[in-house]
N, C-alpha and C. Protein backbone atom coordinates (compact mmCIF):
# COMPACT_ATOMS: atom_id res chain seq x y z
N MET A 1 70.24 62.93 -77.41
CA MET A 1 70.74 63.65 -76.16
C MET A 1 70.19 65.08 -75.52
N THR A 2 70.29 65.49 -77.03
CA THR A 2 69.30 66.95 -76.56
C THR A 2 68.20 66.67 -76.33
N GLY A 3 67.37 65.82 -77.05
CA GLY A 3 66.42 65.42 -76.19
C GLY A 3 65.79 65.40 -74.35
N GLY A 4 67.08 64.34 -74.06
CA GLY A 4 67.20 64.52 -73.04
C GLY A 4 66.84 65.87 -71.48
N LYS A 5 68.09 66.51 -72.45
CA LYS A 5 68.82 68.02 -71.58
C LYS A 5 67.48 68.85 -71.45
N ARG A 6 66.17 68.40 -72.36
CA ARG A 6 65.22 69.28 -72.62
C ARG A 6 63.75 69.09 -71.89
N ALA A 7 64.34 67.54 -71.09
CA ALA A 7 63.29 66.87 -70.88
C ALA A 7 61.93 67.61 -69.97
N HIS A 8 61.00 67.35 -69.90
CA HIS A 8 59.90 68.38 -69.48
C HIS A 8 60.03 68.08 -67.93
N LEU A 9 60.21 69.10 -67.15
CA LEU A 9 60.08 69.27 -65.45
C LEU A 9 58.72 70.05 -65.52
N PRO A 10 58.23 69.26 -63.80
CA PRO A 10 57.10 69.98 -63.30
C PRO A 10 57.67 71.52 -63.09
N VAL A 11 56.74 72.48 -63.48
CA VAL A 11 57.21 73.86 -63.28
C VAL A 11 57.79 74.14 -62.04
N GLU A 12 57.31 73.63 -60.96
CA GLU A 12 58.19 74.01 -59.51
C GLU A 12 59.80 73.46 -59.80
N GLN A 13 59.84 72.20 -60.27
CA GLN A 13 61.68 72.15 -60.39
C GLN A 13 61.86 72.69 -61.45
N ARG A 14 61.47 73.34 -62.89
CA ARG A 14 62.04 73.98 -63.66
C ARG A 14 62.38 75.35 -62.95
N ARG A 15 61.27 75.99 -62.12
CA ARG A 15 61.54 77.37 -61.22
C ARG A 15 63.12 77.19 -60.78
N ALA A 16 63.16 76.16 -59.91
CA ALA A 16 64.17 76.02 -58.84
C ALA A 16 65.52 75.79 -60.01
N GLN A 17 65.38 75.15 -60.88
CA GLN A 17 66.68 74.60 -61.80
C GLN A 17 67.15 76.47 -62.12
N LEU A 18 66.37 77.29 -63.01
CA LEU A 18 66.70 78.34 -63.30
C LEU A 18 66.71 79.83 -61.99
N VAL A 19 66.40 79.34 -61.28
CA VAL A 19 66.39 80.37 -60.55
C VAL A 19 68.51 80.20 -59.80
N ALA A 20 68.55 78.68 -59.86
CA ALA A 20 70.11 78.52 -59.15
C ALA A 20 70.88 78.83 -60.43
N ALA A 21 70.26 78.98 -62.02
CA ALA A 21 71.43 79.39 -62.85
C ALA A 21 71.64 80.56 -62.62
N ALA A 22 70.71 81.55 -62.49
CA ALA A 22 70.20 83.15 -62.14
C ALA A 22 71.07 83.17 -61.10
N MET A 23 70.69 82.82 -60.25
CA MET A 23 72.48 82.71 -59.35
C MET A 23 73.67 82.69 -59.53
N ARG A 24 73.81 81.95 -60.55
CA ARG A 24 75.50 81.77 -61.03
C ARG A 24 75.64 82.63 -61.85
N VAL A 25 74.69 83.12 -62.91
CA VAL A 25 74.92 84.13 -63.57
C VAL A 25 75.37 85.34 -63.02
N MET A 26 74.60 86.09 -61.99
CA MET A 26 74.99 86.80 -61.18
C MET A 26 75.84 87.00 -60.00
N GLN A 27 76.20 85.63 -59.76
CA GLN A 27 78.05 85.53 -59.09
C GLN A 27 79.01 85.50 -60.18
N ARG A 28 78.66 85.10 -60.97
CA ARG A 28 79.94 85.38 -62.07
C ARG A 28 80.14 86.72 -62.83
N GLU A 29 79.02 87.16 -62.90
CA GLU A 29 79.21 88.34 -63.80
C GLU A 29 78.61 89.79 -63.22
N GLY A 30 77.90 89.72 -61.60
CA GLY A 30 77.19 90.66 -61.24
C GLY A 30 75.79 90.56 -61.59
N ALA A 31 74.67 91.56 -60.24
CA ALA A 31 73.67 91.33 -60.58
C ALA A 31 72.92 91.81 -61.90
N TRP A 32 73.48 93.03 -62.32
CA TRP A 32 73.26 93.74 -63.48
C TRP A 32 73.56 93.13 -64.67
N SER A 33 73.73 91.66 -64.90
CA SER A 33 74.35 91.19 -66.06
C SER A 33 73.23 90.09 -66.07
N LEU A 34 71.87 90.13 -65.41
CA LEU A 34 71.11 89.38 -65.40
C LEU A 34 70.23 89.83 -66.67
N THR A 35 69.43 88.60 -67.56
CA THR A 35 69.04 88.46 -68.26
C THR A 35 68.23 87.32 -68.24
N THR A 36 67.09 87.23 -69.10
CA THR A 36 66.30 85.58 -69.20
C THR A 36 67.20 84.81 -70.35
N ARG A 37 67.74 85.86 -71.24
CA ARG A 37 68.56 84.85 -72.22
C ARG A 37 69.52 84.28 -71.30
N ALA A 38 70.76 85.14 -70.77
CA ALA A 38 71.37 84.61 -70.28
C ALA A 38 71.21 83.17 -69.38
N VAL A 39 70.28 83.62 -68.40
CA VAL A 39 69.66 82.11 -68.01
C VAL A 39 69.63 80.90 -68.54
N ALA A 40 68.69 81.11 -69.23
CA ALA A 40 68.46 80.27 -70.55
C ALA A 40 69.69 79.75 -70.92
N LYS A 41 70.60 80.10 -71.24
CA LYS A 41 71.71 79.58 -71.78
C LYS A 41 72.78 78.78 -70.65
N GLU A 42 72.32 79.23 -69.05
CA GLU A 42 72.91 78.99 -68.31
C GLU A 42 72.75 77.64 -68.22
N ALA A 43 71.54 77.27 -67.69
CA ALA A 43 70.88 76.32 -67.74
C ALA A 43 70.62 75.38 -68.55
N GLY A 44 70.94 75.77 -69.88
CA GLY A 44 70.81 74.74 -71.36
C GLY A 44 68.87 74.49 -71.45
N VAL A 45 68.51 75.30 -71.52
CA VAL A 45 67.23 75.18 -71.86
C VAL A 45 66.58 75.90 -72.84
N PRO A 46 65.89 75.84 -73.82
CA PRO A 46 65.47 77.63 -74.35
C PRO A 46 64.81 78.11 -73.91
N LEU A 47 64.98 79.74 -74.42
CA LEU A 47 64.68 80.73 -74.07
C LEU A 47 63.18 80.80 -73.60
N GLY A 48 62.48 80.03 -74.36
CA GLY A 48 60.92 80.05 -74.00
C GLY A 48 60.44 79.17 -72.91
N ALA A 49 61.58 78.45 -72.31
CA ALA A 49 61.58 77.68 -71.22
C ALA A 49 61.63 78.69 -69.79
N VAL A 50 62.23 80.04 -70.20
CA VAL A 50 62.25 80.69 -68.80
C VAL A 50 61.57 81.51 -68.60
N HIS A 51 60.90 82.14 -69.97
CA HIS A 51 59.69 82.88 -70.10
C HIS A 51 58.17 81.93 -69.50
N TYR A 52 58.16 80.85 -70.06
CA TYR A 52 57.27 79.94 -69.75
C TYR A 52 57.15 80.35 -67.83
N ALA A 53 58.14 79.87 -67.42
CA ALA A 53 58.50 79.53 -65.87
C ALA A 53 57.75 80.88 -65.22
N PHE A 54 58.45 81.87 -65.75
CA PHE A 54 58.54 83.33 -65.07
C PHE A 54 57.58 84.31 -65.79
N GLY A 55 57.71 84.02 -66.98
CA GLY A 55 56.76 85.58 -67.47
C GLY A 55 57.91 86.54 -67.60
N ALA A 56 58.42 86.93 -66.98
CA ALA A 56 59.74 87.94 -67.00
C ALA A 56 60.90 88.43 -66.30
N LYS A 57 61.95 89.02 -66.46
CA LYS A 57 62.57 88.98 -65.56
C LYS A 57 62.38 89.19 -64.29
N THR A 58 61.57 90.38 -63.64
CA THR A 58 61.07 90.46 -62.83
C THR A 58 60.48 89.49 -61.62
N GLU A 59 59.98 88.46 -62.36
CA GLU A 59 59.25 87.76 -61.81
C GLU A 59 60.33 86.61 -61.22
N LEU A 60 61.69 86.47 -62.66
CA LEU A 60 62.30 85.65 -61.66
C LEU A 60 63.68 86.42 -60.63
N VAL A 61 63.59 87.37 -60.54
CA VAL A 61 64.17 88.03 -59.41
C VAL A 61 62.99 87.96 -58.20
N ARG A 62 62.31 88.45 -58.10
CA ARG A 62 61.35 88.03 -57.24
C ARG A 62 61.73 86.55 -56.49
N ALA A 63 61.41 85.47 -57.22
CA ALA A 63 62.33 84.07 -57.02
C ALA A 63 63.28 83.82 -56.43
N VAL A 64 63.95 84.63 -57.06
CA VAL A 64 65.27 84.81 -56.63
C VAL A 64 65.78 85.16 -54.96
N PHE A 65 64.85 86.36 -54.51
CA PHE A 65 65.08 86.95 -53.60
C PHE A 65 63.92 85.66 -52.13
N GLN A 66 62.80 85.07 -53.05
CA GLN A 66 62.41 84.17 -52.19
C GLN A 66 62.87 83.30 -51.62
N ALA A 67 63.81 82.55 -52.53
CA ALA A 67 64.65 81.62 -52.43
C ALA A 67 65.43 81.95 -51.09
N ASP A 68 66.19 83.02 -50.75
CA ASP A 68 66.82 83.52 -50.00
C ASP A 68 65.76 83.50 -48.36
N ARG A 69 64.75 84.22 -49.03
CA ARG A 69 63.73 84.40 -47.69
C ARG A 69 63.74 83.11 -47.21
N ASP A 70 63.40 82.50 -47.80
CA ASP A 70 62.77 80.81 -47.51
C ASP A 70 64.23 80.09 -46.35
N ARG A 71 65.30 80.19 -46.85
CA ARG A 71 66.40 79.74 -45.93
C ARG A 71 66.13 80.67 -44.49
N SER A 72 66.22 81.66 -45.10
CA SER A 72 66.51 82.74 -43.69
C SER A 72 65.32 82.46 -42.99
N THR A 73 64.12 82.21 -43.20
CA THR A 73 62.79 82.02 -42.17
C THR A 73 63.70 80.38 -41.60
N ALA A 74 64.08 79.84 -42.64
CA ALA A 74 64.17 78.40 -41.65
C ALA A 74 65.01 78.43 -40.79
N LEU A 75 66.27 79.53 -41.04
CA LEU A 75 67.24 79.79 -40.26
C LEU A 75 67.05 80.26 -38.66
N LEU A 76 65.69 81.38 -38.49
CA LEU A 76 65.57 81.53 -37.55
C LEU A 76 64.64 80.64 -36.93
N ARG A 77 64.04 80.27 -37.37
CA ARG A 77 62.89 79.23 -36.80
C ARG A 77 63.36 78.06 -36.41
N ARG A 78 64.50 77.84 -36.58
CA ARG A 78 65.64 76.59 -35.86
C ARG A 78 66.39 77.31 -34.73
N ALA A 79 66.59 78.44 -34.61
CA ALA A 79 67.19 79.13 -33.64
C ALA A 79 66.06 79.36 -32.39
N VAL A 80 65.16 79.74 -32.64
CA VAL A 80 63.59 79.74 -31.26
C VAL A 80 63.64 78.19 -31.48
N GLN A 81 63.50 76.97 -31.79
CA GLN A 81 62.86 75.96 -31.67
C GLN A 81 64.10 75.18 -30.91
N ALA A 82 65.35 75.52 -31.12
CA ALA A 82 66.70 75.13 -30.28
C ALA A 82 66.62 75.52 -28.50
N GLY A 83 65.64 76.40 -28.33
CA GLY A 83 65.56 76.70 -26.92
C GLY A 83 66.25 77.53 -26.46
N GLY A 84 66.32 78.10 -25.16
CA GLY A 84 67.41 78.81 -24.35
C GLY A 84 66.94 80.03 -23.91
N SER A 85 67.76 80.86 -23.21
CA SER A 85 67.10 81.95 -22.96
C SER A 85 67.06 82.89 -24.16
N PRO A 86 66.36 84.49 -23.63
CA PRO A 86 65.92 85.22 -25.25
C PRO A 86 67.99 85.70 -25.42
N ALA A 87 68.61 85.91 -25.04
CA ALA A 87 69.80 86.07 -25.40
C ALA A 87 70.36 84.91 -26.32
N GLU A 88 70.38 83.82 -25.68
CA GLU A 88 70.90 82.43 -26.28
C GLU A 88 69.88 82.61 -27.73
N ILE A 89 68.69 82.63 -27.86
CA ILE A 89 68.03 82.72 -29.01
C ILE A 89 68.37 83.35 -30.12
N LEU A 90 69.03 84.55 -29.48
CA LEU A 90 68.52 85.76 -30.36
C LEU A 90 70.08 85.59 -30.96
N ILE A 91 71.47 85.34 -29.79
CA ILE A 91 72.61 85.00 -30.67
C ILE A 91 72.57 84.14 -31.42
N ARG A 92 72.13 82.75 -31.43
CA ARG A 92 71.85 82.13 -32.05
C ARG A 92 71.27 82.36 -33.54
N ALA A 93 70.41 82.74 -33.83
CA ALA A 93 69.78 83.51 -34.77
C ALA A 93 70.65 84.62 -35.55
N LEU A 94 71.56 85.20 -34.83
CA LEU A 94 72.27 86.74 -35.79
C LEU A 94 72.77 85.90 -35.92
N VAL A 95 74.24 85.11 -35.14
CA VAL A 95 75.19 84.46 -35.47
C VAL A 95 75.33 83.44 -36.86
N GLY A 96 73.79 82.88 -36.54
CA GLY A 96 73.63 82.04 -37.60
C GLY A 96 73.42 82.63 -39.10
N TYR A 97 73.16 83.81 -38.98
CA TYR A 97 72.61 84.73 -40.42
C TYR A 97 74.25 84.78 -40.50
N ALA A 98 75.06 85.34 -39.75
CA ALA A 98 76.07 85.89 -39.98
C ALA A 98 76.91 84.73 -40.85
N ASP A 99 76.98 83.31 -39.91
CA ASP A 99 77.78 82.49 -40.74
C ASP A 99 77.03 82.04 -42.24
N SER A 100 75.88 81.88 -42.09
CA SER A 100 75.50 82.05 -43.70
C SER A 100 75.97 82.85 -44.77
N VAL A 101 76.26 84.10 -44.40
CA VAL A 101 76.63 85.17 -45.00
C VAL A 101 78.56 85.10 -45.43
N ILE A 102 78.83 84.09 -44.45
CA ILE A 102 80.26 83.75 -44.54
C ILE A 102 80.59 82.66 -45.51
N ALA A 103 79.64 81.61 -45.51
CA ALA A 103 79.58 80.66 -46.28
C ALA A 103 78.89 80.83 -47.44
N ASP A 104 78.64 81.68 -47.83
CA ASP A 104 78.28 81.90 -49.61
C ASP A 104 78.26 83.57 -49.45
N PRO A 105 79.16 84.20 -49.83
CA PRO A 105 79.34 85.39 -49.64
C PRO A 105 78.95 85.96 -51.50
N GLY A 106 79.22 85.24 -52.06
CA GLY A 106 78.99 85.06 -54.12
C GLY A 106 77.45 85.55 -53.77
N ALA A 107 76.48 84.98 -53.12
CA ALA A 107 74.83 84.87 -52.91
C ALA A 107 74.53 85.86 -52.10
N GLU A 108 75.42 86.52 -50.71
CA GLU A 108 75.11 87.85 -50.42
C GLU A 108 75.20 88.96 -51.42
N MET A 109 76.36 88.92 -51.85
CA MET A 109 76.61 89.96 -52.79
C MET A 109 75.76 90.17 -53.82
N VAL A 110 75.01 89.36 -54.54
CA VAL A 110 73.88 89.40 -55.47
C VAL A 110 72.73 90.17 -54.85
N LEU A 111 72.32 89.66 -53.56
CA LEU A 111 71.42 90.24 -52.97
C LEU A 111 71.50 91.10 -52.80
N GLN A 112 72.83 92.23 -52.26
CA GLN A 112 72.70 93.19 -51.94
C GLN A 112 72.66 94.22 -53.49
N GLU A 113 73.32 93.61 -54.16
CA GLU A 113 73.15 94.22 -55.24
C GLU A 113 71.99 94.32 -55.97
N LEU A 114 71.43 93.27 -56.34
CA LEU A 114 69.51 93.50 -56.53
C LEU A 114 68.63 94.38 -55.66
N THR A 115 69.19 94.33 -54.13
CA THR A 115 68.19 95.82 -53.77
C THR A 115 68.46 96.61 -53.49
N MET A 116 70.14 97.01 -54.50
CA MET A 116 70.47 98.33 -54.85
C MET A 116 69.99 99.12 -56.13
N MET A 117 70.08 98.02 -56.72
CA MET A 117 69.13 97.91 -58.08
C MET A 117 68.10 98.31 -58.10
N GLY A 118 67.19 98.02 -57.11
CA GLY A 118 65.99 98.47 -57.21
C GLY A 118 65.89 99.91 -56.40
N GLY A 119 66.76 100.41 -55.70
CA GLY A 119 66.49 101.94 -55.93
C GLY A 119 66.59 102.67 -57.28
N ARG A 120 66.77 102.03 -58.10
CA ARG A 120 67.53 102.73 -59.75
C ARG A 120 66.28 102.60 -60.64
N ASP A 121 66.12 101.26 -60.89
CA ASP A 121 65.41 100.27 -61.39
C ASP A 121 63.69 100.33 -61.58
N ASP A 122 62.99 100.99 -62.14
CA ASP A 122 61.66 100.95 -61.99
C ASP A 122 61.19 99.47 -61.89
N ASP A 123 61.28 98.68 -62.91
CA ASP A 123 61.00 97.09 -62.93
C ASP A 123 61.58 96.31 -61.55
N LEU A 124 62.44 96.67 -60.76
CA LEU A 124 63.04 96.00 -60.01
C LEU A 124 62.05 96.47 -58.51
N ARG A 125 62.33 97.75 -58.52
CA ARG A 125 61.95 98.48 -57.25
C ARG A 125 60.61 97.75 -56.75
N ALA A 126 59.70 97.32 -56.92
CA ALA A 126 58.44 96.61 -56.27
C ALA A 126 59.27 94.90 -55.70
N ALA A 127 59.89 94.67 -56.64
CA ALA A 127 60.43 93.19 -55.96
C ALA A 127 61.39 93.24 -54.92
N ALA A 128 61.92 94.27 -55.16
CA ALA A 128 63.24 94.81 -53.89
C ALA A 128 62.32 95.12 -52.35
N ARG A 129 61.37 96.04 -52.72
CA ARG A 129 60.46 96.70 -51.62
C ARG A 129 59.74 95.02 -51.22
N GLU A 130 58.93 94.67 -52.00
CA GLU A 130 58.52 93.21 -51.00
C GLU A 130 59.58 92.30 -50.46
N SER A 131 60.70 92.11 -51.01
CA SER A 131 62.20 91.26 -50.50
C SER A 131 62.27 92.18 -48.84
N THR A 132 62.18 93.30 -49.34
CA THR A 132 62.42 94.44 -47.53
C THR A 132 61.40 93.76 -46.71
N GLU A 133 60.07 93.84 -46.96
CA GLU A 133 58.75 93.82 -46.02
C GLU A 133 59.05 92.34 -45.50
N GLN A 134 59.18 91.41 -46.04
CA GLN A 134 59.25 90.10 -46.40
C GLN A 134 60.51 89.68 -45.21
N TYR A 135 61.46 90.51 -45.32
CA TYR A 135 62.72 90.07 -44.28
C TYR A 135 62.19 90.65 -42.88
N ARG A 136 61.58 91.90 -42.92
CA ARG A 136 61.25 92.25 -41.80
C ARG A 136 59.82 91.60 -40.96
N GLY A 137 59.31 91.02 -41.86
CA GLY A 137 58.06 89.85 -41.30
C GLY A 137 58.55 88.68 -40.48
N ASP A 138 59.85 88.77 -41.33
CA ASP A 138 61.25 87.26 -40.58
C ASP A 138 61.24 87.78 -38.63
N VAL A 139 61.78 88.80 -39.20
CA VAL A 139 62.43 89.72 -37.79
C VAL A 139 61.45 90.12 -37.04
N LEU A 140 60.34 90.20 -37.32
CA LEU A 140 59.04 90.39 -36.23
C LEU A 140 58.78 89.36 -35.91
N ASP A 141 58.59 88.13 -36.51
CA ASP A 141 58.11 86.67 -35.93
C ASP A 141 59.32 86.29 -35.02
N LEU A 142 60.46 86.65 -35.33
CA LEU A 142 61.40 86.03 -34.71
C LEU A 142 61.44 86.47 -33.16
N LEU A 143 60.89 87.90 -33.16
CA LEU A 143 61.03 88.76 -32.27
C LEU A 143 59.25 88.27 -31.01
N HIS A 144 58.69 88.12 -31.53
CA HIS A 144 57.28 87.42 -31.79
C HIS A 144 57.82 86.52 -30.65
N ARG A 145 58.17 85.34 -31.30
CA ARG A 145 58.33 84.27 -31.22
C ARG A 145 59.31 84.23 -29.43
N VAL A 146 60.53 84.93 -29.19
CA VAL A 146 60.98 85.05 -28.11
C VAL A 146 60.25 85.83 -27.21
N ALA A 147 59.45 86.98 -27.48
CA ALA A 147 58.79 87.03 -26.14
C ALA A 147 57.46 86.38 -25.50
N GLU A 148 57.43 85.40 -26.75
CA GLU A 148 55.93 84.50 -26.08
C GLU A 148 56.79 83.43 -25.23
N ALA A 149 58.07 82.88 -25.75
CA ALA A 149 58.37 81.96 -24.82
C ALA A 149 58.93 82.46 -23.61
N SER A 150 59.67 83.23 -23.43
CA SER A 150 60.16 83.88 -22.40
C SER A 150 58.98 84.75 -21.71
N GLY A 151 57.81 85.01 -22.27
CA GLY A 151 56.31 85.27 -21.28
C GLY A 151 57.01 87.09 -21.18
N GLY A 152 57.78 87.59 -21.66
CA GLY A 152 58.11 88.94 -21.58
C GLY A 152 57.52 89.46 -22.74
N THR A 153 57.54 90.99 -22.49
CA THR A 153 57.49 92.35 -23.47
C THR A 153 58.35 92.85 -23.99
N TRP A 154 58.57 93.26 -25.14
CA TRP A 154 59.58 93.97 -25.59
C TRP A 154 59.42 95.68 -25.39
N SER A 155 60.40 96.13 -24.90
CA SER A 155 60.31 97.56 -24.63
C SER A 155 60.81 98.45 -25.96
N GLY A 156 59.76 99.47 -25.64
CA GLY A 156 59.93 100.37 -26.73
C GLY A 156 59.00 99.74 -28.14
N GLU A 157 59.02 100.36 -29.59
CA GLU A 157 58.43 100.17 -30.66
C GLU A 157 58.85 99.12 -31.30
N VAL A 158 58.17 97.80 -31.38
CA VAL A 158 58.82 96.44 -31.95
C VAL A 158 59.29 96.97 -33.28
N ALA A 159 58.53 97.63 -34.15
CA ALA A 159 59.00 98.00 -35.11
C ALA A 159 60.07 98.50 -35.60
N VAL A 160 60.75 99.61 -34.89
CA VAL A 160 61.95 100.21 -34.70
C VAL A 160 62.71 98.98 -34.61
N LEU A 161 62.82 98.32 -33.39
CA LEU A 161 63.63 96.99 -33.10
C LEU A 161 64.17 96.35 -34.63
N VAL A 162 62.57 95.90 -34.92
CA VAL A 162 62.95 94.89 -36.20
C VAL A 162 63.58 95.91 -37.01
N GLU A 163 63.81 97.41 -37.31
CA GLU A 163 64.05 98.10 -38.37
C GLU A 163 65.99 98.22 -38.19
N SER A 164 66.07 98.13 -36.45
CA SER A 164 67.51 98.26 -36.42
C SER A 164 68.27 97.12 -36.50
N VAL A 165 67.56 95.44 -36.24
CA VAL A 165 67.89 94.37 -36.65
C VAL A 165 68.48 94.36 -37.97
N LEU A 166 67.59 94.80 -38.85
CA LEU A 166 67.55 94.48 -40.15
C LEU A 166 68.98 95.64 -40.86
N GLY A 167 69.06 97.09 -40.22
CA GLY A 167 70.10 97.69 -40.69
C GLY A 167 71.31 96.94 -40.56
N LEU A 168 71.21 96.31 -39.45
CA LEU A 168 72.74 96.05 -38.73
C LEU A 168 72.91 94.78 -39.39
N LEU A 169 72.24 93.85 -39.85
CA LEU A 169 72.68 92.84 -40.42
C LEU A 169 72.92 93.06 -41.72
N PHE A 170 72.23 93.79 -42.10
CA PHE A 170 72.62 94.13 -43.93
C PHE A 170 73.46 95.27 -43.76
N GLY A 171 73.88 96.07 -42.86
CA GLY A 171 75.66 96.81 -42.53
C GLY A 171 76.29 96.07 -42.47
N ALA A 172 76.66 95.16 -41.69
CA ALA A 172 77.74 94.39 -41.08
C ALA A 172 78.07 93.44 -42.39
N SER A 173 77.01 92.88 -42.91
CA SER A 173 77.11 92.36 -43.96
C SER A 173 78.07 92.81 -45.12
N VAL A 174 77.70 93.78 -45.39
CA VAL A 174 78.25 94.62 -46.71
C VAL A 174 79.96 95.09 -45.89
N ASN A 175 79.85 95.44 -44.69
CA ASN A 175 81.39 95.83 -44.33
C ASN A 175 82.13 94.04 -44.39
N TRP A 176 81.37 92.59 -43.72
CA TRP A 176 82.58 91.98 -43.97
C TRP A 176 82.44 91.74 -45.52
N LEU A 177 81.90 92.12 -46.51
CA LEU A 177 82.27 91.63 -47.63
C LEU A 177 83.19 92.44 -48.22
N CYS A 178 83.28 93.88 -47.43
CA CYS A 178 84.56 94.41 -48.51
C CYS A 178 86.04 93.91 -47.41
N THR A 179 85.63 93.65 -46.11
CA THR A 179 86.98 93.54 -45.23
C THR A 179 87.24 91.93 -45.02
N GLY A 180 85.64 90.85 -44.69
CA GLY A 180 86.13 89.50 -44.89
C GLY A 180 86.67 89.05 -43.12
N ASP A 181 86.68 90.18 -42.18
CA ASP A 181 86.84 89.59 -41.03
C ASP A 181 85.68 89.06 -40.62
N ASP A 182 85.93 88.20 -40.28
CA ASP A 182 84.73 86.94 -39.61
C ASP A 182 84.39 87.06 -38.23
N ASP A 183 85.83 87.13 -37.59
CA ASP A 183 85.61 87.61 -36.36
C ASP A 183 84.84 88.82 -35.71
N LEU A 184 85.12 89.83 -36.40
CA LEU A 184 84.66 91.07 -36.17
C LEU A 184 83.16 91.29 -36.21
N PHE A 185 82.58 90.38 -37.61
CA PHE A 185 81.21 90.27 -37.80
C PHE A 185 80.37 89.40 -36.67
N ARG A 186 81.20 88.30 -36.38
CA ARG A 186 80.90 87.36 -35.37
C ARG A 186 80.26 88.15 -34.23
N ARG A 187 81.27 88.80 -33.75
CA ARG A 187 80.98 89.33 -32.48
C ARG A 187 80.29 91.09 -32.87
N CYS A 188 80.36 91.36 -33.44
CA CYS A 188 79.21 92.60 -33.45
C CYS A 188 77.92 92.20 -34.03
N VAL A 189 77.36 90.87 -34.63
CA VAL A 189 76.00 90.55 -34.10
C VAL A 189 75.21 90.12 -32.86
N THR A 190 76.67 89.43 -32.46
CA THR A 190 76.36 89.01 -30.76
C THR A 190 76.14 89.80 -29.70
N ASP A 191 76.96 90.94 -30.16
CA ASP A 191 76.89 92.31 -28.98
C ASP A 191 75.61 92.80 -29.50
N ALA A 192 75.03 92.94 -31.14
CA ALA A 192 73.68 93.14 -31.33
C ALA A 192 72.75 92.68 -30.43
N ALA A 193 72.77 91.03 -30.88
CA ALA A 193 71.64 90.09 -29.98
C ALA A 193 71.63 90.11 -28.65
N GLN A 194 72.86 90.97 -28.12
CA GLN A 194 72.73 90.72 -26.71
C GLN A 194 72.13 92.22 -25.92
N THR A 195 72.15 93.50 -26.66
CA THR A 195 72.07 94.59 -26.51
C THR A 195 70.13 94.21 -26.37
N LEU A 196 69.68 93.50 -27.82
CA LEU A 196 68.45 93.63 -27.87
C LEU A 196 67.74 93.03 -27.13
N ALA A 197 68.50 91.88 -26.06
CA ALA A 197 67.69 90.54 -25.52
C ALA A 197 67.66 91.82 -24.03
N ALA A 198 68.32 92.54 -23.86
CA ALA A 198 68.39 93.01 -22.74
C ALA A 198 66.82 94.35 -22.45
N ARG A 199 66.37 94.36 -23.86
CA ARG A 199 65.29 94.79 -23.81
C ARG A 199 64.23 94.29 -23.85
N LEU A 200 63.91 93.02 -23.54
CA LEU A 200 62.71 92.02 -23.32
C LEU A 200 62.45 92.37 -21.52
N THR A 201 61.54 92.97 -21.49
CA THR A 201 60.77 92.97 -19.81
C THR A 201 60.25 91.53 -19.56
N GLU A 202 60.46 91.29 -18.44
CA GLU A 202 60.26 90.21 -17.71
C GLU A 202 58.86 89.97 -17.62
N ALA A 203 57.53 89.13 -17.69
CA ALA A 203 56.80 89.29 -17.09
C ALA A 203 56.67 90.04 -15.74
N GLY A 204 55.55 91.03 -15.27
CA GLY A 204 55.37 91.14 -14.06
C GLY A 204 56.61 92.34 -13.46
N ALA A 205 57.48 92.18 -14.15
CA ALA A 205 58.83 93.29 -13.90
C ALA A 205 58.18 94.52 -14.32
N PRO A 206 58.69 95.40 -13.82
CA PRO A 206 58.60 97.03 -14.27
C PRO A 206 58.96 97.74 -15.81
N GLY A 207 58.34 98.16 -16.53
CA GLY A 207 58.54 98.42 -17.61
C GLY A 207 60.07 99.45 -17.88
């Protein structure tokens, strides 16, 4: 039975298993509780399996961020692919994000905690910064795709629009974690999407 629990897995499957175990540990005990030993125990594998898959705790944290980023990237791209007006696409994207937070508050709390810890922990700072840059890239891609689909142009500096969207989403998520007001959360991001859509100038229209 022991041999069955420790059966060899391809490294990508092992990494996914350990990321899931890390999330369970952090959701239960807080992001600051994360250790490779705790993850090994949660996953039911030898400690060496964690170090083989990731090398260090920082790499495991990067993988946790990446897993969330993969989900958000897919969500935003589905919003664009479903079509519609710029406002409809942006509402679908931002409300979809809010719905994903509401569906899994424990995961959102962990990600917020890890990001804040990056401001204090030198080992985690680079991982948190990389994650933030990746989220910026996802929102920038969303805005580019919306503009391309509509044939319009964003008024103002796109980098500032991206930062405003991220600040709104992360801040509204923190507020929701504290209040649990689902309706206000969704109305807030809907309003932000509509306001953002109004910054898109149609082709041929005066800027």
